[in-house]
Amino acid sequence: MSLPDRFQPVPKRLLCACVLGMALVVGGCQVRPLYSDPSPVASTGAGVNGSVRSRLATVAINQPGTREAQEVRNHLIFLFAGGAGEPASPAYSMQLSVAPQYLSLMLVQNATNDKSGQPTAGLVRMTGSYVVTRISDGQVVGKGSRLVTANYDAPRQRYAVTRAQRDAANRAARELAEALNLSVAQDLSKF
């Protein structure tokens, strides 16, 4: 079988023009990963080059006052520096505040139907607010707030409930740190 005569091969000039046009369209795309190391960019001061990863590594976070805030701070330090710890000479300062809230979600009667109304499920709602300032001139680089939640089961044993709340708070702190990491990285990519 052969192709009908109406299907003629595409002229080479038209094919070359289409390929060239597509190359120009694709070449205009400006999408790149947030944490990529771009080609060398002029320094923005305080020994920080143009990449977001190196800027994040120079952020110092204030000392927290609560256990939940300390968990968030520890995760943020790890995420900012990639496990290298706190910066020796910070270029940015971050004021972090964390507000946890523990809620009982459901009251269920037990099997004997005594209507005691003991809580059987709970929720940890954790709100983190931050302000990032450049140390050299005191300019506010970014600020924002993020909210995360973590659910937990509340059995009848007191220690088990306490442990479930703490595990939920740790999960919420880890998720909040990841959300704040992304938010601060977006703020620093603008400068």
N, C-alpha and C. Protein backbone atom coordinates (compact mmCIF):
# COMPACT_ATOMS: atom_id res chain seq x y z
N MET A 1 0.83 -1.17 0.00
CA MET A 1 0.00 0.00 0.00
C MET A 1 0.88 1.24 0.00
N SER A 2 0.44 2.24 -0.67
CA SER A 2 1.17 3.49 -0.71
C SER A 2 0.29 4.62 -0.24
N LEU A 3 0.92 5.70 0.13
CA LEU A 3 0.18 6.87 0.58
C LEU A 3 -0.50 7.51 -0.62
N PRO A 4 -1.65 8.10 -0.38
CA PRO A 4 -2.31 8.80 -1.49
C PRO A 4 -1.47 9.97 -1.97
N ASP A 5 -1.73 10.36 -3.15
CA ASP A 5 -0.95 11.45 -3.76
C ASP A 5 -1.16 12.79 -3.07
N ARG A 6 -2.24 12.95 -2.34
CA ARG A 6 -2.47 14.26 -1.72
C ARG A 6 -1.55 14.52 -0.54
N PHE A 7 -0.94 13.48 0.04
CA PHE A 7 0.03 13.67 1.13
C PHE A 7 1.41 13.87 0.53
N GLN A 8 1.83 15.09 0.46
CA GLN A 8 3.13 15.42 -0.10
C GLN A 8 4.12 15.64 1.04
N PRO A 9 5.39 15.33 0.85
CA PRO A 9 6.37 15.60 1.91
C PRO A 9 6.46 17.09 2.21
N VAL A 10 6.72 17.41 3.47
CA VAL A 10 6.83 18.81 3.91
C VAL A 10 8.14 19.37 3.37
N PRO A 11 8.08 20.57 2.79
CA PRO A 11 9.31 21.17 2.27
C PRO A 11 10.32 21.39 3.40
N LYS A 12 11.58 21.23 3.11
CA LYS A 12 12.64 21.36 4.12
C LYS A 12 12.71 22.75 4.70
N ARG A 13 12.43 23.77 3.92
CA ARG A 13 12.47 25.13 4.43
C ARG A 13 11.39 25.35 5.49
N LEU A 14 10.21 24.82 5.27
CA LEU A 14 9.13 24.96 6.23
C LEU A 14 9.46 24.20 7.52
N LEU A 15 10.02 23.02 7.36
CA LEU A 15 10.41 22.22 8.53
C LEU A 15 11.49 22.95 9.33
N CYS A 16 12.47 23.50 8.69
CA CYS A 16 13.54 24.25 9.38
C CYS A 16 12.98 25.49 10.08
N ALA A 17 12.03 26.19 9.45
CA ALA A 17 11.43 27.37 10.05
C ALA A 17 10.63 26.99 11.30
N CYS A 18 9.92 25.87 11.24
CA CYS A 18 9.16 25.42 12.42
C CYS A 18 10.08 25.05 13.57
N VAL A 19 11.17 24.34 13.29
CA VAL A 19 12.12 23.96 14.33
C VAL A 19 12.77 25.20 14.93
N LEU A 20 13.14 26.16 14.11
CA LEU A 20 13.75 27.39 14.60
C LEU A 20 12.76 28.18 15.46
N GLY A 21 11.50 28.25 15.01
CA GLY A 21 10.47 28.96 15.78
C GLY A 21 10.24 28.31 17.14
N MET A 22 10.20 27.01 17.19
CA MET A 22 10.01 26.31 18.48
C MET A 22 11.22 26.51 19.39
N ALA A 23 12.41 26.54 18.82
CA ALA A 23 13.61 26.77 19.63
C ALA A 23 13.57 28.17 20.25
N LEU A 24 13.10 29.16 19.50
CA LEU A 24 12.99 30.51 20.05
C LEU A 24 11.94 30.59 21.15
N VAL A 25 10.82 29.91 20.98
CA VAL A 25 9.77 29.92 21.99
C VAL A 25 10.25 29.25 23.27
N VAL A 26 10.88 28.08 23.14
CA VAL A 26 11.36 27.36 24.31
C VAL A 26 12.51 28.11 24.97
N GLY A 27 13.33 28.77 24.19
CA GLY A 27 14.47 29.52 24.74
C GLY A 27 14.04 30.70 25.59
N GLY A 28 12.81 31.18 25.43
CA GLY A 28 12.33 32.32 26.20
C GLY A 28 11.78 31.94 27.56
N CYS A 29 11.69 30.67 27.85
CA CYS A 29 11.16 30.24 29.15
C CYS A 29 12.12 30.63 30.27
N GLN A 30 11.57 31.13 31.37
CA GLN A 30 12.38 31.57 32.50
C GLN A 30 12.08 30.77 33.75
N VAL A 31 11.78 29.51 33.61
CA VAL A 31 11.46 28.67 34.77
C VAL A 31 12.73 27.98 35.24
N ARG A 32 13.00 28.07 36.55
CA ARG A 32 14.13 27.36 37.13
C ARG A 32 13.78 27.02 38.57
N PRO A 33 14.40 26.01 39.12
CA PRO A 33 14.11 25.63 40.50
C PRO A 33 14.49 26.75 41.47
N LEU A 34 13.76 26.81 42.59
CA LEU A 34 13.99 27.86 43.59
C LEU A 34 15.39 27.78 44.19
N TYR A 35 15.88 26.56 44.44
CA TYR A 35 17.16 26.39 45.11
C TYR A 35 18.32 26.20 44.14
N SER A 36 18.13 26.45 42.87
CA SER A 36 19.21 26.23 41.91
C SER A 36 20.31 27.26 42.10
N ASP A 37 21.51 26.88 41.70
CA ASP A 37 22.63 27.82 41.70
C ASP A 37 22.74 28.42 40.31
N PRO A 38 22.31 29.66 40.14
CA PRO A 38 22.38 30.27 38.82
C PRO A 38 23.82 30.60 38.46
N SER A 39 23.99 31.07 37.25
CA SER A 39 25.32 31.51 36.85
C SER A 39 25.76 32.63 37.78
N PRO A 40 27.05 32.90 37.88
CA PRO A 40 27.54 33.88 38.86
C PRO A 40 26.78 35.20 38.78
N VAL A 41 26.33 35.65 39.93
CA VAL A 41 25.58 36.90 40.05
C VAL A 41 26.37 37.81 40.98
N ALA A 42 26.22 39.08 40.77
CA ALA A 42 26.93 40.03 41.62
C ALA A 42 26.56 39.84 43.08
N SER A 43 27.49 40.03 43.95
CA SER A 43 27.27 39.83 45.38
C SER A 43 26.29 40.86 45.91
N THR A 44 25.44 40.44 46.86
CA THR A 44 24.46 41.35 47.44
C THR A 44 24.93 41.89 48.79
N GLY A 45 26.17 41.67 49.13
CA GLY A 45 26.69 42.20 50.39
C GLY A 45 26.81 41.13 51.45
N ALA A 46 27.67 41.37 52.42
CA ALA A 46 27.88 40.49 53.56
C ALA A 46 28.33 39.10 53.14
N GLY A 47 29.05 39.00 52.01
CA GLY A 47 29.58 37.71 51.58
C GLY A 47 28.55 36.76 51.04
N VAL A 48 27.36 37.22 50.69
CA VAL A 48 26.31 36.35 50.19
C VAL A 48 26.26 36.47 48.68
N ASN A 49 26.32 35.31 47.99
CA ASN A 49 26.21 35.38 46.54
C ASN A 49 24.75 35.30 46.14
N GLY A 50 24.48 35.16 44.86
CA GLY A 50 23.12 35.24 44.35
C GLY A 50 22.22 34.06 44.62
N SER A 51 22.71 32.92 45.05
CA SER A 51 21.82 31.77 45.18
C SER A 51 21.03 31.83 46.48
N VAL A 52 19.81 31.34 46.41
CA VAL A 52 18.92 31.34 47.58
C VAL A 52 19.45 30.42 48.66
N ARG A 53 20.02 29.29 48.28
CA ARG A 53 20.53 28.33 49.26
C ARG A 53 21.61 28.98 50.13
N SER A 54 22.51 29.74 49.52
CA SER A 54 23.56 30.37 50.32
C SER A 54 23.02 31.50 51.18
N ARG A 55 21.97 32.18 50.72
CA ARG A 55 21.35 33.21 51.55
C ARG A 55 20.65 32.58 52.76
N LEU A 56 19.98 31.46 52.54
CA LEU A 56 19.31 30.79 53.65
C LEU A 56 20.30 30.34 54.72
N ALA A 57 21.49 29.96 54.28
CA ALA A 57 22.51 29.48 55.22
C ALA A 57 23.05 30.61 56.10
N THR A 58 22.74 31.87 55.78
CA THR A 58 23.24 33.00 56.57
C THR A 58 22.15 33.64 57.43
N VAL A 59 21.06 32.92 57.68
CA VAL A 59 19.96 33.44 58.50
C VAL A 59 20.13 32.93 59.93
N ALA A 60 20.20 33.85 60.88
CA ALA A 60 20.25 33.50 62.31
C ALA A 60 18.85 33.64 62.88
N ILE A 61 18.43 32.65 63.67
CA ILE A 61 17.09 32.61 64.23
C ILE A 61 17.16 32.89 65.73
N ASN A 62 16.25 33.73 66.23
CA ASN A 62 16.26 34.09 67.65
C ASN A 62 15.98 32.87 68.53
N GLN A 63 16.38 32.95 69.80
CA GLN A 63 16.15 31.87 70.76
C GLN A 63 14.68 31.84 71.16
N PRO A 64 14.06 30.67 71.12
CA PRO A 64 12.63 30.58 71.45
C PRO A 64 12.39 30.47 72.95
N GLY A 65 11.11 30.56 73.33
CA GLY A 65 10.77 30.47 74.74
C GLY A 65 10.00 29.20 75.10
N THR A 66 9.49 28.47 74.12
CA THR A 66 8.70 27.28 74.40
C THR A 66 9.32 26.06 73.72
N ARG A 67 8.88 24.88 74.16
CA ARG A 67 9.39 23.64 73.57
C ARG A 67 9.00 23.53 72.10
N GLU A 68 7.76 23.90 71.77
CA GLU A 68 7.29 23.82 70.38
C GLU A 68 8.09 24.76 69.48
N ALA A 69 8.34 25.97 69.96
CA ALA A 69 9.14 26.93 69.18
C ALA A 69 10.57 26.43 69.00
N GLN A 70 11.12 25.77 70.01
CA GLN A 70 12.46 25.20 69.89
C GLN A 70 12.50 24.10 68.83
N GLU A 71 11.45 23.27 68.76
CA GLU A 71 11.37 22.24 67.72
C GLU A 71 11.36 22.86 66.34
N VAL A 72 10.55 23.91 66.16
CA VAL A 72 10.49 24.59 64.85
C VAL A 72 11.84 25.20 64.52
N ARG A 73 12.48 25.85 65.49
CA ARG A 73 13.78 26.48 65.27
C ARG A 73 14.83 25.45 64.87
N ASN A 74 14.86 24.31 65.56
CA ASN A 74 15.85 23.27 65.23
C ASN A 74 15.67 22.76 63.80
N HIS A 75 14.42 22.52 63.41
CA HIS A 75 14.17 22.06 62.04
C HIS A 75 14.54 23.13 61.02
N LEU A 76 14.25 24.39 61.34
CA LEU A 76 14.60 25.48 60.42
C LEU A 76 16.11 25.61 60.24
N ILE A 77 16.86 25.51 61.33
CA ILE A 77 18.32 25.59 61.23
C ILE A 77 18.84 24.48 60.33
N PHE A 78 18.30 23.29 60.49
CA PHE A 78 18.71 22.17 59.64
C PHE A 78 18.35 22.43 58.18
N LEU A 79 17.14 22.92 57.92
CA LEU A 79 16.71 23.16 56.55
C LEU A 79 17.47 24.32 55.91
N PHE A 80 17.71 25.38 56.67
CA PHE A 80 18.41 26.54 56.11
C PHE A 80 19.85 26.21 55.71
N ALA A 81 20.57 25.52 56.58
CA ALA A 81 22.00 25.29 56.36
C ALA A 81 22.29 23.91 55.78
N GLY A 82 21.28 23.10 55.55
CA GLY A 82 21.53 21.77 55.01
C GLY A 82 22.25 20.87 56.00
N GLY A 83 22.04 21.08 57.28
CA GLY A 83 22.66 20.25 58.30
C GLY A 83 23.97 20.80 58.83
N ALA A 84 24.40 21.97 58.37
CA ALA A 84 25.68 22.53 58.79
C ALA A 84 25.60 23.31 60.10
N GLY A 85 24.42 23.54 60.62
CA GLY A 85 24.29 24.27 61.89
C GLY A 85 24.06 25.74 61.68
N GLU A 86 24.18 26.49 62.78
CA GLU A 86 23.96 27.94 62.73
C GLU A 86 25.10 28.65 62.01
N PRO A 87 24.81 29.78 61.36
CA PRO A 87 25.86 30.50 60.64
C PRO A 87 26.84 31.18 61.60
N ALA A 88 28.11 31.18 61.21
CA ALA A 88 29.14 31.83 62.02
C ALA A 88 29.04 33.35 61.90
N SER A 89 28.79 33.84 60.70
CA SER A 89 28.63 35.29 60.49
C SER A 89 27.31 35.51 59.73
N PRO A 90 26.21 35.68 60.45
CA PRO A 90 24.91 35.82 59.79
C PRO A 90 24.76 37.14 59.06
N ALA A 91 24.06 37.08 57.94
CA ALA A 91 23.73 38.29 57.18
C ALA A 91 22.29 38.71 57.43
N TYR A 92 21.46 37.78 57.87
CA TYR A 92 20.06 38.06 58.12
C TYR A 92 19.69 37.58 59.52
N SER A 93 18.68 38.23 60.10
CA SER A 93 18.18 37.86 61.41
C SER A 93 16.70 37.54 61.28
N MET A 94 16.28 36.45 61.91
CA MET A 94 14.88 36.03 61.83
C MET A 94 14.26 36.00 63.22
N GLN A 95 13.22 36.78 63.42
CA GLN A 95 12.45 36.77 64.66
C GLN A 95 11.30 35.79 64.45
N LEU A 96 11.29 34.71 65.22
CA LEU A 96 10.31 33.64 65.07
C LEU A 96 9.44 33.55 66.30
N SER A 97 8.13 33.47 66.11
CA SER A 97 7.22 33.21 67.22
C SER A 97 6.28 32.09 66.81
N VAL A 98 6.09 31.15 67.74
CA VAL A 98 5.25 29.97 67.49
C VAL A 98 4.19 29.91 68.57
N ALA A 99 2.95 29.74 68.13
CA ALA A 99 1.82 29.65 69.07
C ALA A 99 1.08 28.34 68.84
N PRO A 100 1.26 27.35 69.76
CA PRO A 100 0.50 26.10 69.63
C PRO A 100 -0.85 26.20 70.33
N GLN A 101 -1.81 25.46 69.82
CA GLN A 101 -3.13 25.40 70.43
C GLN A 101 -3.60 23.95 70.39
N TYR A 102 -3.94 23.39 71.54
CA TYR A 102 -4.38 22.00 71.65
C TYR A 102 -5.90 21.97 71.80
N LEU A 103 -6.56 21.24 70.92
CA LEU A 103 -8.03 21.20 70.90
C LEU A 103 -8.54 19.77 71.00
N SER A 104 -9.66 19.57 71.69
CA SER A 104 -10.34 18.28 71.68
C SER A 104 -11.39 18.34 70.57
N LEU A 105 -11.39 17.32 69.72
CA LEU A 105 -12.27 17.37 68.56
C LEU A 105 -13.57 16.60 68.73
N MET A 106 -13.51 15.44 69.37
CA MET A 106 -14.67 14.59 69.39
C MET A 106 -14.88 14.01 70.79
N LEU A 107 -16.10 14.00 71.23
CA LEU A 107 -16.45 13.36 72.49
C LEU A 107 -17.30 12.13 72.16
N VAL A 108 -16.85 10.97 72.59
CA VAL A 108 -17.55 9.73 72.29
C VAL A 108 -17.87 9.02 73.59
N GLN A 109 -19.06 8.48 73.67
CA GLN A 109 -19.43 7.71 74.85
C GLN A 109 -18.72 6.37 74.81
N ASN A 110 -18.35 5.85 75.96
CA ASN A 110 -17.65 4.59 75.99
C ASN A 110 -18.62 3.42 75.86
N ALA A 111 -18.11 2.20 75.87
CA ALA A 111 -18.91 1.01 75.59
C ALA A 111 -20.02 0.77 76.60
N THR A 112 -19.85 1.20 77.85
CA THR A 112 -20.88 0.96 78.86
C THR A 112 -21.99 2.01 78.80
N ASN A 113 -21.84 2.97 77.88
CA ASN A 113 -22.85 4.00 77.67
C ASN A 113 -23.11 4.82 78.93
N ASP A 114 -22.01 5.15 79.64
CA ASP A 114 -22.17 5.95 80.85
C ASP A 114 -22.15 7.45 80.56
N LYS A 115 -22.01 7.80 79.32
CA LYS A 115 -22.07 9.20 78.87
C LYS A 115 -21.04 10.07 79.60
N SER A 116 -19.83 9.53 79.76
CA SER A 116 -18.78 10.29 80.45
C SER A 116 -18.22 11.40 79.56
N GLY A 117 -18.34 11.24 78.26
CA GLY A 117 -17.89 12.28 77.34
C GLY A 117 -16.40 12.51 77.34
N GLN A 118 -15.62 11.44 77.41
CA GLN A 118 -14.17 11.59 77.37
C GLN A 118 -13.71 11.89 75.94
N PRO A 119 -12.78 12.81 75.76
CA PRO A 119 -12.31 13.10 74.41
C PRO A 119 -11.56 11.90 73.82
N THR A 120 -11.81 11.63 72.55
CA THR A 120 -11.15 10.51 71.89
C THR A 120 -10.30 10.96 70.70
N ALA A 121 -10.36 12.20 70.34
CA ALA A 121 -9.54 12.72 69.25
C ALA A 121 -9.16 14.15 69.57
N GLY A 122 -8.00 14.54 69.08
CA GLY A 122 -7.54 15.89 69.33
C GLY A 122 -6.83 16.47 68.13
N LEU A 123 -6.53 17.74 68.22
CA LEU A 123 -5.89 18.48 67.14
C LEU A 123 -4.88 19.45 67.73
N VAL A 124 -3.73 19.53 67.13
CA VAL A 124 -2.74 20.55 67.48
C VAL A 124 -2.69 21.53 66.33
N ARG A 125 -3.00 22.78 66.61
CA ARG A 125 -2.93 23.84 65.61
C ARG A 125 -1.74 24.71 65.98
N MET A 126 -0.80 24.84 65.06
CA MET A 126 0.43 25.58 65.34
C MET A 126 0.59 26.71 64.32
N THR A 127 0.70 27.92 64.83
CA THR A 127 0.87 29.10 64.00
C THR A 127 2.28 29.64 64.20
N GLY A 128 2.98 29.87 63.10
CA GLY A 128 4.32 30.44 63.15
C GLY A 128 4.38 31.76 62.40
N SER A 129 4.88 32.78 63.06
CA SER A 129 5.04 34.10 62.44
C SER A 129 6.52 34.45 62.44
N TYR A 130 6.96 35.14 61.41
CA TYR A 130 8.38 35.48 61.31
C TYR A 130 8.56 36.85 60.68
N VAL A 131 9.70 37.45 61.00
CA VAL A 131 10.16 38.68 60.37
C VAL A 131 11.65 38.50 60.11
N VAL A 132 12.05 38.62 58.84
CA VAL A 132 13.46 38.50 58.46
C VAL A 132 13.99 39.88 58.13
N THR A 133 15.09 40.28 58.80
CA THR A 133 15.71 41.57 58.54
C THR A 133 17.15 41.38 58.13
N ARG A 134 17.62 42.27 57.28
CA ARG A 134 19.03 42.27 56.90
C ARG A 134 19.82 42.97 57.99
N ILE A 135 20.86 42.34 58.49
CA ILE A 135 21.62 42.87 59.62
C ILE A 135 22.39 44.12 59.24
N SER A 136 22.89 44.21 58.02
CA SER A 136 23.74 45.33 57.63
C SER A 136 23.02 46.67 57.68
N ASP A 137 21.75 46.72 57.25
CA ASP A 137 21.05 48.00 57.25
C ASP A 137 19.70 47.97 57.98
N GLY A 138 19.32 46.83 58.53
CA GLY A 138 18.08 46.74 59.29
C GLY A 138 16.81 46.70 58.44
N GLN A 139 16.96 46.51 57.13
CA GLN A 139 15.80 46.48 56.25
C GLN A 139 15.04 45.16 56.41
N VAL A 140 13.72 45.23 56.48
CA VAL A 140 12.89 44.03 56.56
C VAL A 140 12.83 43.39 55.18
N VAL A 141 13.32 42.17 55.09
CA VAL A 141 13.38 41.45 53.83
C VAL A 141 12.08 40.69 53.59
N GLY A 142 11.50 40.16 54.64
CA GLY A 142 10.26 39.41 54.49
C GLY A 142 9.60 39.16 55.83
N LYS A 143 8.30 39.00 55.79
CA LYS A 143 7.56 38.65 56.98
C LYS A 143 6.32 37.89 56.55
N GLY A 144 5.82 37.07 57.47
CA GLY A 144 4.65 36.29 57.14
C GLY A 144 4.23 35.40 58.29
N SER A 145 3.21 34.61 58.02
CA SER A 145 2.66 33.71 59.01
C SER A 145 2.17 32.46 58.32
N ARG A 146 2.36 31.32 58.94
CA ARG A 146 1.90 30.03 58.41
C ARG A 146 1.18 29.27 59.51
N LEU A 147 0.21 28.46 59.12
CA LEU A 147 -0.59 27.67 60.05
C LEU A 147 -0.58 26.22 59.59
N VAL A 148 -0.32 25.30 60.52
CA VAL A 148 -0.39 23.87 60.23
C VAL A 148 -1.18 23.19 61.35
N THR A 149 -1.72 22.02 61.03
CA THR A 149 -2.45 21.25 62.02
C THR A 149 -1.99 19.81 62.00
N ALA A 150 -2.13 19.14 63.12
CA ALA A 150 -1.82 17.72 63.23
C ALA A 150 -2.86 17.07 64.14
N ASN A 151 -3.43 15.97 63.70
CA ASN A 151 -4.44 15.25 64.48
C ASN A 151 -3.78 14.16 65.31
N TYR A 152 -4.47 13.77 66.38
CA TYR A 152 -4.00 12.65 67.20
C TYR A 152 -5.20 11.97 67.86
N ASP A 153 -5.01 10.72 68.22
CA ASP A 153 -6.02 9.96 68.95
C ASP A 153 -5.76 10.11 70.44
N ALA A 154 -6.81 10.23 71.21
CA ALA A 154 -6.69 10.38 72.66
C ALA A 154 -7.27 9.16 73.34
N PRO A 155 -6.46 8.17 73.67
CA PRO A 155 -6.98 7.00 74.38
C PRO A 155 -7.31 7.35 75.83
N ARG A 156 -7.75 6.37 76.60
CA ARG A 156 -8.19 6.62 77.98
C ARG A 156 -7.03 6.77 78.95
N GLN A 157 -5.84 6.37 78.59
CA GLN A 157 -4.71 6.44 79.50
C GLN A 157 -4.05 7.81 79.43
N ARG A 158 -3.77 8.38 80.59
CA ARG A 158 -3.23 9.74 80.63
C ARG A 158 -1.88 9.87 79.94
N TYR A 159 -0.97 8.94 80.24
CA TYR A 159 0.36 9.03 79.63
C TYR A 159 0.26 8.88 78.11
N ALA A 160 -0.60 8.01 77.64
CA ALA A 160 -0.75 7.83 76.20
C ALA A 160 -1.29 9.10 75.53
N VAL A 161 -2.18 9.81 76.21
CA VAL A 161 -2.70 11.07 75.66
C VAL A 161 -1.59 12.11 75.61
N THR A 162 -0.81 12.20 76.69
CA THR A 162 0.29 13.16 76.73
C THR A 162 1.30 12.88 75.62
N ARG A 163 1.63 11.60 75.43
CA ARG A 163 2.58 11.23 74.39
C ARG A 163 2.01 11.49 72.99
N ALA A 164 0.72 11.23 72.81
CA ALA A 164 0.09 11.49 71.51
C ALA A 164 0.08 12.98 71.20
N GLN A 165 -0.18 13.81 72.22
CA GLN A 165 -0.13 15.26 72.01
C GLN A 165 1.27 15.73 71.64
N ARG A 166 2.28 15.20 72.33
CA ARG A 166 3.65 15.61 72.04
C ARG A 166 4.08 15.16 70.65
N ASP A 167 3.71 13.94 70.24
CA ASP A 167 4.03 13.47 68.90
C ASP A 167 3.35 14.32 67.83
N ALA A 168 2.09 14.69 68.08
CA ALA A 168 1.38 15.56 67.14
C ALA A 168 2.03 16.94 67.08
N ALA A 169 2.46 17.46 68.22
CA ALA A 169 3.16 18.76 68.24
C ALA A 169 4.47 18.68 67.48
N ASN A 170 5.20 17.57 67.60
CA ASN A 170 6.46 17.41 66.86
C ASN A 170 6.20 17.34 65.36
N ARG A 171 5.15 16.62 64.96
CA ARG A 171 4.80 16.57 63.54
C ARG A 171 4.43 17.95 63.02
N ALA A 172 3.63 18.67 63.79
CA ALA A 172 3.22 20.01 63.39
C ALA A 172 4.43 20.95 63.31
N ALA A 173 5.37 20.82 64.24
CA ALA A 173 6.57 21.66 64.22
C ALA A 173 7.40 21.39 62.98
N ARG A 174 7.54 20.13 62.61
CA ARG A 174 8.30 19.77 61.41
C ARG A 174 7.63 20.33 60.15
N GLU A 175 6.31 20.19 60.06
CA GLU A 175 5.59 20.72 58.90
C GLU A 175 5.63 22.24 58.86
N LEU A 176 5.53 22.88 60.02
CA LEU A 176 5.60 24.34 60.08
C LEU A 176 6.98 24.82 59.65
N ALA A 177 8.02 24.14 60.07
CA ALA A 177 9.38 24.52 59.66
C ALA A 177 9.54 24.41 58.14
N GLU A 178 8.99 23.37 57.54
CA GLU A 178 9.08 23.23 56.09
C GLU A 178 8.31 24.34 55.37
N ALA A 179 7.13 24.70 55.89
CA ALA A 179 6.37 25.79 55.29
C ALA A 179 7.09 27.12 55.44
N LEU A 180 7.67 27.37 56.62
CA LEU A 180 8.42 28.61 56.83
C LEU A 180 9.69 28.65 55.99
N ASN A 181 10.34 27.51 55.79
CA ASN A 181 11.53 27.44 54.96
C ASN A 181 11.20 27.89 53.54
N LEU A 182 10.13 27.39 53.00
CA LEU A 182 9.73 27.78 51.65
C LEU A 182 9.37 29.26 51.58
N SER A 183 8.66 29.74 52.58
CA SER A 183 8.25 31.14 52.59
C SER A 183 9.45 32.09 52.69
N VAL A 184 10.39 31.76 53.56
CA VAL A 184 11.59 32.61 53.70
C VAL A 184 12.44 32.53 52.43
N ALA A 185 12.53 31.37 51.82
CA ALA A 185 13.29 31.23 50.56
C ALA A 185 12.66 32.10 49.47
N GLN A 186 11.35 32.15 49.41
CA GLN A 186 10.69 33.01 48.43
C GLN A 186 10.97 34.48 48.72
N ASP A 187 10.96 34.86 49.99
CA ASP A 187 11.26 36.24 50.35
C ASP A 187 12.70 36.61 49.97
N LEU A 188 13.64 35.72 50.26
CA LEU A 188 15.04 36.02 49.97
C LEU A 188 15.35 35.99 48.48
N SER A 189 14.57 35.27 47.69
CA SER A 189 14.82 35.23 46.25
C SER A 189 14.48 36.54 45.57
N LYS A 190 13.71 37.41 46.24
CA LYS A 190 13.34 38.70 45.68
C LYS A 190 14.44 39.74 45.86
N PHE A 191 15.40 39.48 46.73
CA PHE A 191 16.45 40.46 47.01
C PHE A 191 17.77 40.02 46.44
